[in-house]
Amino acid sequence: MPEGGTESLMSLVILLVVFAAVFYFLLLRPQRRRQKEHQQLMASLKRGDRVVSAGGIHGTIDKLDDDTAILVLEEGTKLRMAKSSIVDKVRK
């Protein structure tokens, strides 16, 4: 194989490794971190916590099941929603 072909192949391999590293650090790693934080939030939820859902609904947790949460809204209305749709706890 000519000398120029080996250098070209080596530079292609280096370029692919750089792209893979950039892809990992800019996309995969932050997504995994957000997923881990959301799992920790789900594990820490308890009755009485004020939360916000993905749809922007604010409420207080009245009851928790494995997959669902019942929120009490401001007017006393109760709303059953998927537990995974809770995105944040409201700090008091």
Protein backbone atom coordinates (compact mmCIF):
# COMPACT_ATOMS: atom_id res chain seq x y z
CA MET A 1 0.00 0.00 0.00
CA PRO A 2 1.39 3.48 -0.79
CA GLU A 3 2.54 5.68 2.06
CA GLY A 4 -0.14 8.33 1.37
CA GLY A 5 -2.93 5.73 1.68
CA THR A 6 -1.85 4.74 5.18
CA GLU A 7 -1.79 8.35 6.36
CA SER A 8 -5.22 8.96 4.84
CA LEU A 9 -6.65 5.89 6.58
CA MET A 10 -5.10 6.91 9.89
CA SER A 11 -6.52 10.44 9.66
CA LEU A 12 -9.97 8.99 8.88
CA VAL A 13 -9.81 6.77 11.97
CA ILE A 14 -8.75 9.72 14.13
CA LEU A 15 -11.58 11.84 12.73
CA LEU A 16 -14.13 9.09 13.48
CA VAL A 17 -12.84 8.76 17.06
CA VAL A 18 -13.12 12.53 17.56
CA PHE A 19 -16.69 12.55 16.21
CA ALA A 20 -17.62 9.64 18.49
CA ALA A 21 -16.19 11.46 21.52
CA VAL A 22 -18.04 14.68 20.67
CA PHE A 23 -21.28 12.73 20.15
CA TYR A 24 -20.85 11.02 23.53
CA PHE A 25 -20.02 14.15 25.53
CA LEU A 26 -22.61 16.43 23.89
CA LEU A 27 -25.56 14.03 23.53
CA LEU A 28 -25.37 10.72 25.36
CA ARG A 29 -23.76 11.73 28.64
CA PRO A 30 -26.11 14.67 29.40
CA GLN A 31 -29.15 12.54 28.52
CA ARG A 32 -28.06 9.79 30.90
CA ARG A 33 -27.47 12.37 33.64
CA ARG A 34 -30.99 13.84 33.16
CA GLN A 35 -32.47 10.33 33.20
CA LYS A 36 -30.65 9.51 36.45
CA GLU A 37 -31.84 12.79 38.05
CA HIS A 38 -35.44 12.03 37.01
CA GLN A 39 -35.22 8.54 38.53
CA GLN A 40 -33.93 10.05 41.78
CA LEU A 41 -36.83 12.52 41.74
CA MET A 42 -39.33 9.67 41.25
CA ALA A 43 -37.81 7.74 44.17
CA SER A 44 -37.90 10.77 46.48
CA LEU A 45 -41.56 11.72 45.92
CA LYS A 46 -43.83 11.46 48.94
CA ARG A 47 -47.25 12.59 50.08
CA GLY A 48 -47.46 16.34 50.64
CA ASP A 49 -44.76 17.29 48.11
CA ARG A 50 -45.64 20.22 45.85
CA VAL A 51 -44.81 19.25 42.26
CA VAL A 52 -45.05 20.42 38.65
CA SER A 53 -46.05 18.09 35.81
CA ALA A 54 -44.71 18.09 32.26
CA GLY A 55 -47.91 19.87 31.20
CA GLY A 56 -47.31 22.68 33.68
CA ILE A 57 -49.90 21.56 36.25
CA HIS A 58 -48.99 22.52 39.82
CA GLY A 59 -50.34 20.46 42.70
CA THR A 60 -49.68 18.66 45.94
CA ILE A 61 -49.27 14.88 46.02
CA ASP A 62 -52.17 13.23 47.85
CA LYS A 63 -51.42 9.59 47.02
CA LEU A 64 -48.71 7.66 45.16
CA ASP A 65 -48.92 4.28 43.49
CA ASP A 66 -46.25 2.49 41.46
CA ASP A 67 -47.21 4.21 38.19
CA THR A 68 -49.67 6.95 39.14
CA ALA A 69 -49.92 9.95 41.42
CA ILE A 70 -53.03 11.75 42.63
CA LEU A 71 -52.52 15.50 42.85
CA VAL A 72 -54.68 17.97 44.73
CA LEU A 73 -54.97 21.23 42.80
CA GLU A 74 -55.65 24.67 44.31
CA GLU A 75 -59.44 24.40 44.21
CA GLY A 76 -59.36 21.01 45.93
CA THR A 77 -59.78 19.11 42.68
CA LYS A 78 -58.00 15.77 42.56
CA LEU A 79 -56.23 14.71 39.39
CA ARG A 80 -54.78 11.27 38.63
CA MET A 81 -51.71 11.38 36.39
CA ALA A 82 -48.77 9.25 35.38
CA LYS A 83 -46.07 9.48 38.01
CA SER A 84 -43.42 9.76 35.30
CA SER A 85 -44.97 13.02 34.05
CA ILE A 86 -43.86 14.81 37.23
CA VAL A 87 -40.81 16.83 36.28
CA ASP A 88 -39.95 18.91 39.36
CA LYS A 89 -40.59 19.50 43.03
CA VAL A 90 -41.54 23.05 43.96
CA ARG A 91 -39.22 24.43 46.60
CA LYS A 92 -41.10 26.11 49.42
